[in-house]
Amino acid sequence: MAVDALDQAVRRGLLPASTSATARLRLDVDPAIEAAQDAAATAPTDTAAVLRYRDIARVHEQARTTADLVERRMRIGLLDRSVAAQLARVLT
């Protein structure tokens, strides 16, 4: 998303065109965290999967609030507000 925003700013003349200083950085992705997040996002009504991801996200991703998990990490709140409300009740 950030790359898209910067590209748009360059196209509009708000920033000078330049090469990315971070394009070649390698991200350290933990397959266990990714699997837990995928399981929770794919089946948000699976309470055990959601709670497992919540616990992992708190320890390894510094997730602190229900909104952080539901809106930003799982992105469920952006897709289905009723499911997001159900998750909020489970997570609090």
N, C-alpha and C. Protein backbone atom coordinates (compact mmCIF):
# COMPACT_ATOMS: atom_id res chain seq x y z
N MET A 1 0.81 -1.18 0.00
CA MET A 1 0.00 0.00 0.00
C MET A 1 0.86 1.25 0.00
N ALA A 2 1.93 1.25 0.75
CA ALA A 2 2.77 2.44 0.82
C ALA A 2 3.40 2.73 -0.53
N VAL A 3 3.81 1.69 -1.25
CA VAL A 3 4.40 1.88 -2.57
C VAL A 3 3.40 2.52 -3.51
N ASP A 4 2.15 2.06 -3.46
CA ASP A 4 1.11 2.64 -4.30
C ASP A 4 0.90 4.12 -3.98
N ALA A 5 0.91 4.47 -2.70
CA ALA A 5 0.73 5.87 -2.30
C ALA A 5 1.88 6.73 -2.80
N LEU A 6 3.09 6.22 -2.68
CA LEU A 6 4.25 6.98 -3.15
C LEU A 6 4.22 7.13 -4.67
N ASP A 7 3.87 6.06 -5.38
CA ASP A 7 3.77 6.14 -6.84
C ASP A 7 2.73 7.18 -7.27
N GLN A 8 1.62 7.21 -6.57
CA GLN A 8 0.57 8.19 -6.86
C GLN A 8 1.08 9.62 -6.61
N ALA A 9 1.81 9.81 -5.53
CA ALA A 9 2.36 11.13 -5.22
C ALA A 9 3.35 11.57 -6.29
N VAL A 10 4.15 10.65 -6.81
CA VAL A 10 5.10 10.97 -7.89
C VAL A 10 4.32 11.35 -9.15
N ARG A 11 3.29 10.57 -9.49
CA ARG A 11 2.49 10.86 -10.68
C ARG A 11 1.83 12.24 -10.60
N ARG A 12 1.47 12.65 -9.42
CA ARG A 12 0.82 13.96 -9.24
C ARG A 12 1.82 15.10 -9.06
N GLY A 13 3.10 14.76 -9.08
CA GLY A 13 4.12 15.79 -8.95
C GLY A 13 4.37 16.26 -7.53
N LEU A 14 3.90 15.49 -6.56
CA LEU A 14 4.08 15.87 -5.16
C LEU A 14 5.42 15.42 -4.60
N LEU A 15 6.02 14.42 -5.22
CA LEU A 15 7.34 13.92 -4.82
C LEU A 15 8.19 13.71 -6.06
N PRO A 16 9.50 13.86 -5.93
CA PRO A 16 10.35 13.56 -7.08
C PRO A 16 10.47 12.04 -7.27
N ALA A 17 10.58 11.62 -8.51
CA ALA A 17 10.76 10.19 -8.79
C ALA A 17 12.13 9.75 -8.30
N SER A 18 12.17 8.59 -7.66
CA SER A 18 13.44 8.06 -7.19
C SER A 18 13.30 6.54 -7.01
N THR A 19 14.42 5.89 -6.81
CA THR A 19 14.38 4.45 -6.57
C THR A 19 14.08 4.19 -5.10
N SER A 20 13.46 3.07 -4.85
CA SER A 20 13.10 2.71 -3.49
C SER A 20 14.32 2.27 -2.70
N ALA A 21 14.47 2.82 -1.52
CA ALA A 21 15.58 2.42 -0.65
C ALA A 21 15.29 1.11 0.06
N THR A 22 14.03 0.69 0.08
CA THR A 22 13.66 -0.52 0.83
C THR A 22 13.14 -1.65 -0.06
N ALA A 23 13.13 -1.47 -1.36
CA ALA A 23 12.56 -2.47 -2.26
C ALA A 23 13.24 -3.83 -2.15
N ARG A 24 14.51 -3.85 -1.83
CA ARG A 24 15.24 -5.12 -1.78
C ARG A 24 15.36 -5.71 -0.37
N LEU A 25 14.74 -5.05 0.61
CA LEU A 25 14.79 -5.60 1.96
C LEU A 25 14.01 -6.91 2.03
N ARG A 26 14.59 -7.85 2.70
CA ARG A 26 13.93 -9.13 2.86
C ARG A 26 13.13 -9.12 4.17
N LEU A 27 11.88 -9.51 4.08
CA LEU A 27 11.04 -9.59 5.28
C LEU A 27 11.21 -10.96 5.92
N ASP A 28 11.25 -10.97 7.22
CA ASP A 28 11.34 -12.21 7.97
C ASP A 28 9.92 -12.65 8.33
N VAL A 29 9.41 -13.62 7.59
CA VAL A 29 8.04 -14.08 7.77
C VAL A 29 8.06 -15.41 8.51
N ASP A 30 7.34 -15.49 9.60
CA ASP A 30 7.24 -16.71 10.38
C ASP A 30 6.04 -17.52 9.88
N PRO A 31 6.27 -18.70 9.31
CA PRO A 31 5.17 -19.49 8.77
C PRO A 31 4.10 -19.84 9.81
N ALA A 32 4.48 -20.00 11.06
CA ALA A 32 3.50 -20.33 12.11
C ALA A 32 2.55 -19.16 12.36
N ILE A 33 3.11 -17.96 12.36
CA ILE A 33 2.27 -16.77 12.54
C ILE A 33 1.35 -16.59 11.34
N GLU A 34 1.89 -16.76 10.16
CA GLU A 34 1.08 -16.62 8.94
C GLU A 34 -0.04 -17.65 8.90
N ALA A 35 0.26 -18.89 9.29
CA ALA A 35 -0.76 -19.94 9.30
C ALA A 35 -1.86 -19.63 10.32
N ALA A 36 -1.48 -19.14 11.48
CA ALA A 36 -2.47 -18.80 12.51
C ALA A 36 -3.35 -17.65 12.03
N GLN A 37 -2.74 -16.65 11.40
CA GLN A 37 -3.52 -15.52 10.90
C GLN A 37 -4.46 -15.97 9.79
N ASP A 38 -3.97 -16.80 8.88
CA ASP A 38 -4.81 -17.30 7.79
C ASP A 38 -5.99 -18.11 8.32
N ALA A 39 -5.73 -18.96 9.31
CA ALA A 39 -6.80 -19.78 9.88
C ALA A 39 -7.86 -18.92 10.54
N ALA A 40 -7.44 -17.89 11.26
CA ALA A 40 -8.39 -17.01 11.93
C ALA A 40 -9.18 -16.18 10.93
N ALA A 41 -8.51 -15.68 9.90
CA ALA A 41 -9.19 -14.84 8.91
C ALA A 41 -10.10 -15.65 8.00
N THR A 42 -9.71 -16.88 7.71
CA THR A 42 -10.51 -17.73 6.83
C THR A 42 -11.76 -18.24 7.53
N ALA A 43 -11.65 -18.51 8.82
CA ALA A 43 -12.79 -19.03 9.58
C ALA A 43 -12.99 -18.19 10.84
N PRO A 44 -13.47 -16.95 10.68
CA PRO A 44 -13.58 -16.06 11.83
C PRO A 44 -14.60 -16.52 12.87
N THR A 45 -15.41 -17.50 12.54
CA THR A 45 -16.35 -18.03 13.53
C THR A 45 -15.74 -19.20 14.30
N ASP A 46 -14.53 -19.60 13.94
CA ASP A 46 -13.81 -20.65 14.67
C ASP A 46 -13.11 -19.99 15.87
N THR A 47 -13.78 -20.02 17.00
CA THR A 47 -13.30 -19.32 18.19
C THR A 47 -11.89 -19.74 18.58
N ALA A 48 -11.61 -21.03 18.50
CA ALA A 48 -10.28 -21.52 18.89
C ALA A 48 -9.20 -20.93 17.98
N ALA A 49 -9.46 -20.89 16.68
CA ALA A 49 -8.47 -20.34 15.73
C ALA A 49 -8.26 -18.86 15.98
N VAL A 50 -9.33 -18.13 16.24
CA VAL A 50 -9.23 -16.69 16.48
C VAL A 50 -8.46 -16.42 17.77
N LEU A 51 -8.76 -17.15 18.82
CA LEU A 51 -8.06 -16.96 20.09
C LEU A 51 -6.59 -17.35 19.98
N ARG A 52 -6.30 -18.40 19.21
CA ARG A 52 -4.91 -18.81 19.00
C ARG A 52 -4.14 -17.68 18.30
N TYR A 53 -4.74 -17.12 17.26
CA TYR A 53 -4.07 -16.02 16.56
C TYR A 53 -3.93 -14.80 17.47
N ARG A 54 -4.95 -14.50 18.26
CA ARG A 54 -4.88 -13.37 19.19
C ARG A 54 -3.66 -13.52 20.11
N ASP A 55 -3.50 -14.71 20.66
CA ASP A 55 -2.38 -14.94 21.58
C ASP A 55 -1.03 -14.81 20.89
N ILE A 56 -0.93 -15.34 19.69
CA ILE A 56 0.31 -15.24 18.92
C ILE A 56 0.59 -13.78 18.55
N ALA A 57 -0.45 -13.08 18.11
CA ALA A 57 -0.28 -11.68 17.69
C ALA A 57 0.12 -10.80 18.86
N ARG A 58 -0.38 -11.08 20.03
CA ARG A 58 0.00 -10.29 21.21
C ARG A 58 1.48 -10.45 21.52
N VAL A 59 1.97 -11.68 21.43
CA VAL A 59 3.36 -11.96 21.79
C VAL A 59 4.33 -11.54 20.69
N HIS A 60 4.01 -11.86 19.44
CA HIS A 60 4.98 -11.69 18.36
C HIS A 60 4.76 -10.47 17.48
N GLU A 61 3.56 -9.88 17.51
CA GLU A 61 3.27 -8.75 16.64
C GLU A 61 2.85 -7.50 17.39
N GLN A 62 2.93 -7.53 18.70
CA GLN A 62 2.59 -6.40 19.56
C GLN A 62 1.15 -5.92 19.36
N ALA A 63 0.24 -6.84 19.05
CA ALA A 63 -1.18 -6.50 18.96
C ALA A 63 -1.69 -6.22 20.36
N ARG A 64 -2.39 -5.13 20.55
CA ARG A 64 -2.82 -4.75 21.89
C ARG A 64 -4.32 -4.62 22.06
N THR A 65 -5.05 -4.35 21.00
CA THR A 65 -6.48 -4.11 21.13
C THR A 65 -7.29 -5.02 20.21
N THR A 66 -8.55 -5.14 20.53
CA THR A 66 -9.45 -5.91 19.68
C THR A 66 -9.54 -5.27 18.30
N ALA A 67 -9.65 -3.97 18.25
CA ALA A 67 -9.72 -3.27 16.96
C ALA A 67 -8.47 -3.54 16.13
N ASP A 68 -7.32 -3.57 16.77
CA ASP A 68 -6.08 -3.86 16.06
C ASP A 68 -6.16 -5.22 15.37
N LEU A 69 -6.64 -6.21 16.09
CA LEU A 69 -6.75 -7.55 15.50
C LEU A 69 -7.81 -7.61 14.41
N VAL A 70 -8.99 -7.15 14.71
CA VAL A 70 -10.13 -7.30 13.80
C VAL A 70 -10.01 -6.40 12.57
N GLU A 71 -9.64 -5.16 12.78
CA GLU A 71 -9.62 -4.19 11.68
C GLU A 71 -8.31 -4.24 10.89
N ARG A 72 -7.19 -4.18 11.58
CA ARG A 72 -5.92 -4.02 10.88
C ARG A 72 -5.23 -5.33 10.53
N ARG A 73 -5.24 -6.28 11.41
CA ARG A 73 -4.50 -7.50 11.14
C ARG A 73 -5.31 -8.54 10.37
N MET A 74 -6.53 -8.78 10.81
CA MET A 74 -7.38 -9.76 10.12
C MET A 74 -8.19 -9.12 9.00
N ARG A 75 -8.41 -7.82 9.07
CA ARG A 75 -9.16 -7.04 8.09
C ARG A 75 -10.61 -7.49 7.94
N ILE A 76 -11.11 -8.22 8.91
CA ILE A 76 -12.49 -8.68 8.87
C ILE A 76 -13.44 -7.49 8.99
N GLY A 77 -13.11 -6.53 9.82
CA GLY A 77 -13.97 -5.38 10.02
C GLY A 77 -14.20 -4.58 8.75
N LEU A 78 -13.28 -4.68 7.81
CA LEU A 78 -13.43 -3.98 6.55
C LEU A 78 -14.40 -4.71 5.62
N LEU A 79 -14.60 -6.00 5.86
CA LEU A 79 -15.41 -6.81 4.96
C LEU A 79 -16.81 -7.09 5.48
N ASP A 80 -16.91 -7.37 6.76
CA ASP A 80 -18.21 -7.77 7.32
C ASP A 80 -18.33 -7.27 8.75
N ARG A 81 -19.10 -6.21 8.92
CA ARG A 81 -19.23 -5.59 10.25
C ARG A 81 -19.90 -6.52 11.26
N SER A 82 -20.82 -7.37 10.81
CA SER A 82 -21.49 -8.27 11.77
C SER A 82 -20.51 -9.32 12.29
N VAL A 83 -19.66 -9.85 11.43
CA VAL A 83 -18.64 -10.81 11.88
C VAL A 83 -17.64 -10.10 12.78
N ALA A 84 -17.28 -8.87 12.45
CA ALA A 84 -16.37 -8.10 13.28
C ALA A 84 -16.94 -7.91 14.68
N ALA A 85 -18.23 -7.65 14.76
CA ALA A 85 -18.87 -7.48 16.07
C ALA A 85 -18.85 -8.78 16.86
N GLN A 86 -19.08 -9.90 16.19
CA GLN A 86 -19.01 -11.21 16.86
C GLN A 86 -17.60 -11.46 17.38
N LEU A 87 -16.61 -11.16 16.56
CA LEU A 87 -15.21 -11.35 16.98
C LEU A 87 -14.87 -10.47 18.16
N ALA A 88 -15.34 -9.25 18.16
CA ALA A 88 -15.05 -8.34 19.26
C ALA A 88 -15.57 -8.92 20.57
N ARG A 89 -16.73 -9.55 20.54
CA ARG A 89 -17.27 -10.16 21.77
C ARG A 89 -16.40 -11.33 22.22
N VAL A 90 -15.89 -12.10 21.29
CA VAL A 90 -15.03 -13.25 21.63
C VAL A 90 -13.69 -12.78 22.15
N LEU A 91 -13.16 -11.75 21.57
CA LEU A 91 -11.80 -11.31 21.90
C LEU A 91 -11.70 -10.47 23.16
N THR A 92 -12.80 -9.94 23.65
CA THR A 92 -12.72 -9.09 24.84
C THR A 92 -13.09 -9.86 26.08
